[in-house]
Amino acid sequence: TELAEAKVGILSGAICATLLTWVVFRGLDRLSPRTRLRALLGTATTVTDLAVPVDPERDHIRGPKKDALVTLVEYGDFECPYCGQAEPAIRELIREYGELRFVFRHLPLTEVHPHAQLAAEAAEAAAGQGAFWAMHDMLMDHQGALTTRDLISYAASLGLDADKFSAGLRKHVGAYRVAEDVDSADLATVSGTPTFFINGNRYYGAFDLDALKEAVRTAKSRAVIGAR
């Protein structure tokens, strides 16, 4: 009788442990990236490099989605003048380095840029129609005109379904996606734009073409050496 009770106890414990593990992981999966990483890693250590790795299935990527020697991540704000100044250099880098993977993540600085949040949501509304990068470029080229009317006009000029786009803006369908990017920026202690990461390491140099080229060349050389 005691042996049978012991077996029942062991089996019950194993089943309960399995169920508890499933509940914990299901709960973590429902958290935002920021909350999930804090739950798993804690907050004692300050993160200075890219906290949330690039996800080819989620992130907005220009260039090869996988197996890129150099990955350049930008946290940007469509109303930030410094992001606008850096944009030509970024585009030239993409043209010159075909193997470069460029990732854009949202960080609207709403306290100083009143139209930044809506512009970010407009980019996500365009992404729903497969036109994220076309809208991204349009917004960067027209940083001084980011009202709702402007955004709808840009969508029409890009050939998007204007009604669907407008509905997405009204319903803020892209707000959660933008919030996820903001959470990941907060985890990496990013507070200003533009902030760049090259192969996961924060870039502290200038935003001009020559400086960024040198940083990309260095990262590429290190990646090639590391792959051998």
C-alpha atoms as a PDB file:
ATOM      1  CA  THR A   1       0.000   0.000   0.000  1.00  0.00           C
ATOM      2  CA  GLU A   2       2.815   2.432   0.902  1.00  0.00           C
ATOM      3  CA  LEU A   3       4.613   1.636  -2.372  1.00  0.00           C
ATOM      4  CA  ALA A   4       1.426   2.300  -4.369  1.00  0.00           C
ATOM      5  CA  GLU A   5       0.917   5.604  -2.555  1.00  0.00           C
ATOM      6  CA  ALA A   6       4.517   6.588  -3.256  1.00  0.00           C
ATOM      7  CA  LYS A   7       4.073   5.847  -6.963  1.00  0.00           C
ATOM      8  CA  VAL A   8       0.904   7.924  -7.067  1.00  0.00           C
ATOM      9  CA  GLY A   9       2.714  10.770  -5.301  1.00  0.00           C
ATOM     10  CA  ILE A  10       5.648  10.697  -7.731  1.00  0.00           C
ATOM     11  CA  LEU A  11       3.377  10.583 -10.781  1.00  0.00           C
ATOM     12  CA  SER A  12       1.226  13.398  -9.407  1.00  0.00           C
ATOM     13  CA  GLY A  13       4.298  15.522  -8.741  1.00  0.00           C
ATOM     14  CA  ALA A  14       5.620  14.951 -12.253  1.00  0.00           C
ATOM     15  CA  ILE A  15       2.269  15.876 -13.803  1.00  0.00           C
ATOM     16  CA  CYS A  16       1.930  18.999 -11.644  1.00  0.00           C
ATOM     17  CA  ALA A  17       5.492  20.092 -12.476  1.00  0.00           C
ATOM     18  CA  THR A  18       4.817  19.677 -16.195  1.00  0.00           C
ATOM     19  CA  LEU A  19       1.576  21.660 -15.980  1.00  0.00           C
ATOM     20  CA  LEU A  20       3.232  24.400 -13.924  1.00  0.00           C
ATOM     21  CA  THR A  21       6.082  24.690 -16.428  1.00  0.00           C
ATOM     22  CA  TRP A  22       3.590  24.953 -19.287  1.00  0.00           C
ATOM     23  CA  VAL A  23       1.650  27.668 -17.452  1.00  0.00           C
ATOM     24  CA  VAL A  24       4.837  29.658 -16.750  1.00  0.00           C
ATOM     25  CA  PHE A  25       6.044  29.547 -20.349  1.00  0.00           C
ATOM     26  CA  ARG A  26       2.603  30.370 -21.722  1.00  0.00           C
ATOM     27  CA  GLY A  27       2.488  33.345 -19.369  1.00  0.00           C
ATOM     28  CA  LEU A  28       5.948  34.540 -20.421  1.00  0.00           C
ATOM     29  CA  ASP A  29       4.995  34.215 -24.089  1.00  0.00           C
ATOM     30  CA  ARG A  30       2.133  36.675 -23.551  1.00  0.00           C
ATOM     31  CA  LEU A  31       4.405  39.353 -22.061  1.00  0.00           C
ATOM     32  CA  SER A  32       5.964  42.157 -24.088  1.00  0.00           C
ATOM     33  CA  PRO A  33       9.674  41.660 -24.953  1.00  0.00           C
ATOM     34  CA  ARG A  34      10.690  44.183 -22.290  1.00  0.00           C
ATOM     35  CA  THR A  35       8.699  42.538 -19.488  1.00  0.00           C
ATOM     36  CA  ARG A  36       9.631  39.020 -20.613  1.00  0.00           C
ATOM     37  CA  LEU A  37      13.371  39.704 -20.588  1.00  0.00           C
ATOM     38  CA  ARG A  38      13.172  41.422 -17.234  1.00  0.00           C
ATOM     39  CA  ALA A  39      11.287  38.443 -15.827  1.00  0.00           C
ATOM     40  CA  LEU A  40      13.927  36.037 -17.150  1.00  0.00           C
ATOM     41  CA  LEU A  41      17.095  38.059 -16.599  1.00  0.00           C
ATOM     42  CA  GLY A  42      16.260  40.517 -13.862  1.00  0.00           C
ATOM     43  CA  THR A  43      17.295  44.168 -13.852  1.00  0.00           C
ATOM     44  CA  ALA A  44      20.548  44.208 -11.913  1.00  0.00           C
ATOM     45  CA  THR A  45      22.775  44.556 -14.987  1.00  0.00           C
ATOM     46  CA  THR A  46      22.566  47.547 -17.295  1.00  0.00           C
ATOM     47  CA  VAL A  47      22.316  46.420 -20.916  1.00  0.00           C
ATOM     48  CA  THR A  48      24.355  48.539 -23.326  1.00  0.00           C
ATOM     49  CA  ASP A  49      24.249  46.342 -26.417  1.00  0.00           C
ATOM     50  CA  LEU A  50      21.304  45.125 -28.484  1.00  0.00           C
ATOM     51  CA  ALA A  51      18.967  43.522 -25.955  1.00  0.00           C
ATOM     52  CA  VAL A  52      16.417  41.975 -28.332  1.00  0.00           C
ATOM     53  CA  PRO A  53      18.082  40.065 -31.213  1.00  0.00           C
ATOM     54  CA  VAL A  54      17.010  40.694 -34.785  1.00  0.00           C
ATOM     55  CA  ASP A  55      14.108  38.465 -35.786  1.00  0.00           C
ATOM     56  CA  PRO A  56      13.859  37.967 -39.585  1.00  0.00           C
ATOM     57  CA  GLU A  57      10.206  37.000 -39.206  1.00  0.00           C
ATOM     58  CA  ARG A  58       9.298  40.167 -37.323  1.00  0.00           C
ATOM     59  CA  ASP A  59      11.760  42.984 -37.941  1.00  0.00           C
ATOM     60  CA  HIS A  60      11.692  45.321 -40.928  1.00  0.00           C
ATOM     61  CA  ILE A  61      14.826  44.388 -42.872  1.00  0.00           C
ATOM     62  CA  ARG A  62      16.585  45.721 -45.952  1.00  0.00           C
ATOM     63  CA  GLY A  63      19.156  43.407 -47.458  1.00  0.00           C
ATOM     64  CA  PRO A  64      19.656  39.701 -46.758  1.00  0.00           C
ATOM     65  CA  LYS A  65      17.393  38.455 -43.986  1.00  0.00           C
ATOM     66  CA  LYS A  66      19.795  35.703 -42.958  1.00  0.00           C
ATOM     67  CA  ASP A  67      23.521  34.986 -43.032  1.00  0.00           C
ATOM     68  CA  ALA A  68      24.518  38.654 -43.307  1.00  0.00           C
ATOM     69  CA  LEU A  69      28.097  39.468 -42.318  1.00  0.00           C
ATOM     70  CA  VAL A  70      27.039  42.850 -40.950  1.00  0.00           C
ATOM     71  CA  THR A  71      23.735  43.795 -39.353  1.00  0.00           C
ATOM     72  CA  LEU A  72      23.032  47.481 -38.746  1.00  0.00           C
ATOM     73  CA  VAL A  73      20.088  48.232 -36.458  1.00  0.00           C
ATOM     74  CA  GLU A  74      18.697  51.735 -36.130  1.00  0.00           C
ATOM     75  CA  TYR A  75      16.308  52.968 -33.483  1.00  0.00           C
ATOM     76  CA  GLY A  76      14.746  55.945 -35.214  1.00  0.00           C
ATOM     77  CA  ASP A  77      12.074  58.614 -35.080  1.00  0.00           C
ATOM     78  CA  PHE A  78      10.496  59.888 -38.304  1.00  0.00           C
ATOM     79  CA  GLU A  79      10.317  63.429 -36.936  1.00  0.00           C
ATOM     80  CA  CYS A  80      13.873  63.466 -35.576  1.00  0.00           C
ATOM     81  CA  PRO A  81      16.077  65.824 -37.646  1.00  0.00           C
ATOM     82  CA  TYR A  82      19.201  63.841 -36.761  1.00  0.00           C
ATOM     83  CA  CYS A  83      17.594  60.683 -38.177  1.00  0.00           C
ATOM     84  CA  GLY A  84      16.905  62.671 -41.328  1.00  0.00           C
ATOM     85  CA  GLN A  85      20.530  63.785 -41.510  1.00  0.00           C
ATOM     86  CA  ALA A  86      21.766  60.207 -41.096  1.00  0.00           C
ATOM     87  CA  GLU A  87      19.345  58.762 -43.675  1.00  0.00           C
ATOM     88  CA  PRO A  88      21.382  59.589 -46.832  1.00  0.00           C
ATOM     89  CA  ALA A  89      24.424  57.867 -45.330  1.00  0.00           C
ATOM     90  CA  ILE A  90      22.340  54.800 -44.468  1.00  0.00           C
ATOM     91  CA  ARG A  91      20.950  54.573 -47.993  1.00  0.00           C
ATOM     92  CA  GLU A  92      24.423  54.874 -49.476  1.00  0.00           C
ATOM     93  CA  LEU A  93      25.709  52.119 -47.186  1.00  0.00           C
ATOM     94  CA  ILE A  94      22.884  49.841 -48.317  1.00  0.00           C
ATOM     95  CA  ARG A  95      23.696  50.541 -51.970  1.00  0.00           C
ATOM     96  CA  GLU A  96      27.440  50.022 -51.527  1.00  0.00           C
ATOM     97  CA  TYR A  97      27.355  46.962 -49.272  1.00  0.00           C
ATOM     98  CA  GLY A  98      24.994  44.424 -50.757  1.00  0.00           C
ATOM     99  CA  GLU A  99      25.715  42.037 -47.899  1.00  0.00           C
ATOM    100  CA  LEU A 100      24.625  44.588 -45.282  1.00  0.00           C
ATOM    101  CA  ARG A 101      21.426  43.836 -43.375  1.00  0.00           C
ATOM    102  CA  PHE A 102      19.691  47.024 -42.228  1.00  0.00           C
ATOM    103  CA  VAL A 103      16.987  46.899 -39.567  1.00  0.00           C
ATOM    104  CA  PHE A 104      14.758  49.813 -38.556  1.00  0.00           C
ATOM    105  CA  ARG A 105      13.016  49.881 -35.195  1.00  0.00           C
ATOM    106  CA  HIS A 106      10.699  52.583 -33.918  1.00  0.00           C
ATOM    107  CA  LEU A 107      11.548  54.933 -31.086  1.00  0.00           C
ATOM    108  CA  PRO A 108       9.164  57.911 -31.378  1.00  0.00           C
ATOM    109  CA  LEU A 109      10.271  60.629 -28.958  1.00  0.00           C
ATOM    110  CA  THR A 110       6.759  61.869 -28.304  1.00  0.00           C
ATOM    111  CA  GLU A 111       7.764  64.435 -25.694  1.00  0.00           C
ATOM    112  CA  VAL A 112       9.620  66.506 -28.286  1.00  0.00           C
ATOM    113  CA  HIS A 113       8.138  65.246 -31.579  1.00  0.00           C
ATOM    114  CA  PRO A 114       4.330  65.438 -31.513  1.00  0.00           C
ATOM    115  CA  HIS A 115       3.821  63.663 -34.848  1.00  0.00           C
ATOM    116  CA  ALA A 116       6.360  60.878 -34.349  1.00  0.00           C
ATOM    117  CA  GLN A 117       4.000  58.272 -32.888  1.00  0.00           C
ATOM    118  CA  LEU A 118       1.405  58.659 -35.638  1.00  0.00           C
ATOM    119  CA  ALA A 119       4.129  58.571 -38.290  1.00  0.00           C
ATOM    120  CA  ALA A 120       5.442  55.311 -36.842  1.00  0.00           C
ATOM    121  CA  GLU A 121       1.940  53.861 -36.878  1.00  0.00           C
ATOM    122  CA  ALA A 122       1.569  55.040 -40.486  1.00  0.00           C
ATOM    123  CA  ALA A 123       4.674  53.046 -41.422  1.00  0.00           C
ATOM    124  CA  GLU A 124       3.136  49.984 -39.781  1.00  0.00           C
ATOM    125  CA  ALA A 125      -0.189  50.586 -41.556  1.00  0.00           C
ATOM    126  CA  ALA A 126       1.755  50.661 -44.824  1.00  0.00           C
ATOM    127  CA  ALA A 127       3.584  47.492 -43.771  1.00  0.00           C
ATOM    128  CA  GLY A 128       0.193  45.793 -43.643  1.00  0.00           C
ATOM    129  CA  GLN A 129       0.026  46.396 -47.395  1.00  0.00           C
ATOM    130  CA  GLY A 130       3.637  45.368 -48.029  1.00  0.00           C
ATOM    131  CA  ALA A 131       4.957  48.919 -48.297  1.00  0.00           C
ATOM    132  CA  PHE A 132       6.856  49.569 -45.087  1.00  0.00           C
ATOM    133  CA  TRP A 133      10.077  50.680 -46.743  1.00  0.00           C
ATOM    134  CA  ALA A 134       8.338  52.835 -49.329  1.00  0.00           C
ATOM    135  CA  MET A 135       6.514  54.648 -46.524  1.00  0.00           C
ATOM    136  CA  HIS A 136       9.682  54.765 -44.404  1.00  0.00           C
ATOM    137  CA  ASP A 137      11.517  56.595 -47.181  1.00  0.00           C
ATOM    138  CA  MET A 138       8.582  58.909 -47.804  1.00  0.00           C
ATOM    139  CA  LEU A 139       8.378  59.893 -44.132  1.00  0.00           C
ATOM    140  CA  MET A 140      12.119  60.458 -43.859  1.00  0.00           C
ATOM    141  CA  ASP A 141      11.999  62.660 -46.955  1.00  0.00           C
ATOM    142  CA  HIS A 142       9.087  64.738 -45.589  1.00  0.00           C
ATOM    143  CA  GLN A 143       9.835  65.094 -41.880  1.00  0.00           C
ATOM    144  CA  GLY A 144       8.209  68.503 -41.706  1.00  0.00           C
ATOM    145  CA  ALA A 145       4.826  67.272 -42.964  1.00  0.00           C
ATOM    146  CA  LEU A 146       3.527  64.417 -40.827  1.00  0.00           C
ATOM    147  CA  THR A 147      -0.094  65.320 -40.104  1.00  0.00           C
ATOM    148  CA  THR A 148      -2.861  62.794 -40.659  1.00  0.00           C
ATOM    149  CA  ARG A 149      -3.741  64.453 -43.956  1.00  0.00           C
ATOM    150  CA  ASP A 150      -0.112  64.270 -45.061  1.00  0.00           C
ATOM    151  CA  LEU A 151       0.150  60.595 -44.167  1.00  0.00           C
ATOM    152  CA  ILE A 152      -2.995  59.682 -46.080  1.00  0.00           C
ATOM    153  CA  SER A 153      -1.690  61.656 -49.055  1.00  0.00           C
ATOM    154  CA  TYR A 154       1.579  59.706 -48.968  1.00  0.00           C
ATOM    155  CA  ALA A 155      -0.322  56.409 -48.861  1.00  0.00           C
ATOM    156  CA  ALA A 156      -2.315  57.424 -51.931  1.00  0.00           C
ATOM    157  CA  SER A 157       0.826  58.481 -53.810  1.00  0.00           C
ATOM    158  CA  LEU A 158       2.349  55.064 -53.069  1.00  0.00           C
ATOM    159  CA  GLY A 159      -0.675  53.338 -54.546  1.00  0.00           C
ATOM    160  CA  LEU A 160      -1.948  51.924 -51.258  1.00  0.00           C
ATOM    161  CA  ASP A 161      -5.575  51.263 -50.415  1.00  0.00           C
ATOM    162  CA  ALA A 162      -6.324  54.665 -48.872  1.00  0.00           C
ATOM    163  CA  ASP A 163      -9.461  53.534 -47.026  1.00  0.00           C
ATOM    164  CA  LYS A 164      -7.684  50.580 -45.435  1.00  0.00           C
ATOM    165  CA  PHE A 165      -4.717  52.761 -44.551  1.00  0.00           C
ATOM    166  CA  SER A 166      -6.924  55.454 -42.985  1.00  0.00           C
ATOM    167  CA  ALA A 167      -8.830  52.861 -40.983  1.00  0.00           C
ATOM    168  CA  GLY A 168      -5.554  51.458 -39.686  1.00  0.00           C
ATOM    169  CA  LEU A 169      -4.497  54.905 -38.514  1.00  0.00           C
ATOM    170  CA  ARG A 170      -7.822  55.560 -36.790  1.00  0.00           C
ATOM    171  CA  LYS A 171      -7.727  52.218 -35.011  1.00  0.00           C
ATOM    172  CA  HIS A 172      -4.002  52.537 -34.152  1.00  0.00           C
ATOM    173  CA  VAL A 173      -3.387  49.022 -35.449  1.00  0.00           C
ATOM    174  CA  GLY A 174       0.369  49.578 -35.426  1.00  0.00           C
ATOM    175  CA  ALA A 175       0.570  50.940 -31.881  1.00  0.00           C
ATOM    176  CA  TYR A 176       1.403  47.609 -30.256  1.00  0.00           C
ATOM    177  CA  ARG A 177       4.180  46.894 -32.740  1.00  0.00           C
ATOM    178  CA  VAL A 178       5.652  50.344 -32.114  1.00  0.00           C
ATOM    179  CA  ALA A 179       5.390  49.783 -28.351  1.00  0.00           C
ATOM    180  CA  GLU A 180       7.333  46.519 -28.683  1.00  0.00           C
ATOM    181  CA  ASP A 181      10.175  48.378 -30.389  1.00  0.00           C
ATOM    182  CA  VAL A 182      10.120  51.049 -27.683  1.00  0.00           C
ATOM    183  CA  ASP A 183      10.284  48.325 -25.022  1.00  0.00           C
ATOM    184  CA  SER A 184      13.294  46.726 -26.718  1.00  0.00           C
ATOM    185  CA  ALA A 185      14.993  50.143 -26.883  1.00  0.00           C
ATOM    186  CA  ASP A 186      14.388  50.655 -23.191  1.00  0.00           C
ATOM    187  CA  LEU A 187      15.950  47.265 -22.431  1.00  0.00           C
ATOM    188  CA  ALA A 188      19.075  48.345 -24.326  1.00  0.00           C
ATOM    189  CA  THR A 189      19.087  51.700 -22.466  1.00  0.00           C
ATOM    190  CA  VAL A 190      18.431  53.599 -25.700  1.00  0.00           C
ATOM    191  CA  SER A 191      16.941  57.022 -25.023  1.00  0.00           C
ATOM    192  CA  GLY A 192      17.799  59.074 -28.118  1.00  0.00           C
ATOM    193  CA  THR A 193      17.598  58.831 -31.878  1.00  0.00           C
ATOM    194  CA  PRO A 194      19.192  57.785 -34.033  1.00  0.00           C
ATOM    195  CA  THR A 195      20.921  55.041 -32.073  1.00  0.00           C
ATOM    196  CA  PHE A 196      22.762  52.374 -34.060  1.00  0.00           C
ATOM    197  CA  PHE A 197      23.940  48.864 -33.266  1.00  0.00           C
ATOM    198  CA  ILE A 198      26.418  47.067 -35.520  1.00  0.00           C
ATOM    199  CA  ASN A 199      26.433  43.298 -35.119  1.00  0.00           C
ATOM    200  CA  GLY A 200      24.794  43.731 -31.745  1.00  0.00           C
ATOM    201  CA  ASN A 201      27.270  46.307 -30.427  1.00  0.00           C
ATOM    202  CA  ARG A 202      26.249  49.896 -29.800  1.00  0.00           C
ATOM    203  CA  TYR A 203      27.826  52.355 -32.201  1.00  0.00           C
ATOM    204  CA  TYR A 204      29.083  55.578 -30.615  1.00  0.00           C
ATOM    205  CA  GLY A 205      30.620  57.286 -33.645  1.00  0.00           C
ATOM    206  CA  ALA A 206      29.440  60.036 -35.953  1.00  0.00           C
ATOM    207  CA  PHE A 207      26.509  59.556 -38.337  1.00  0.00           C
ATOM    208  CA  ASP A 208      28.262  60.714 -41.500  1.00  0.00           C
ATOM    209  CA  LEU A 209      28.962  58.326 -44.363  1.00  0.00           C
ATOM    210  CA  ASP A 210      32.719  58.025 -43.849  1.00  0.00           C
ATOM    211  CA  ALA A 211      32.411  57.172 -40.154  1.00  0.00           C
ATOM    212  CA  LEU A 212      29.641  54.633 -40.721  1.00  0.00           C
ATOM    213  CA  LYS A 213      31.558  53.070 -43.630  1.00  0.00           C
ATOM    214  CA  GLU A 214      34.604  52.583 -41.442  1.00  0.00           C
ATOM    215  CA  ALA A 215      32.491  50.990 -38.711  1.00  0.00           C
ATOM    216  CA  VAL A 216      30.822  48.642 -41.199  1.00  0.00           C
ATOM    217  CA  ARG A 217      34.167  47.683 -42.772  1.00  0.00           C
ATOM    218  CA  THR A 218      35.608  46.908 -39.339  1.00  0.00           C
ATOM    219  CA  ALA A 219      32.593  44.813 -38.369  1.00  0.00           C
ATOM    220  CA  LYS A 220      32.767  42.960 -41.686  1.00  0.00           C
ATOM    221  CA  SER A 221      36.474  42.184 -41.225  1.00  0.00           C
ATOM    222  CA  ARG A 222      35.862  40.871 -37.725  1.00  0.00           C
ATOM    223  CA  ALA A 223      32.952  38.737 -38.939  1.00  0.00           C
ATOM    224  CA  VAL A 224      35.072  37.228 -41.724  1.00  0.00           C
ATOM    225  CA  ILE A 225      37.938  36.451 -39.309  1.00  0.00           C
ATOM    226  CA  GLY A 226      35.512  34.970 -36.807  1.00  0.00           C
ATOM    227  CA  ALA A 227      33.959  32.740 -39.454  1.00  0.00           C
ATOM    228  CA  ARG A 228      37.303  31.144 -40.346  1.00  0.00           C
END
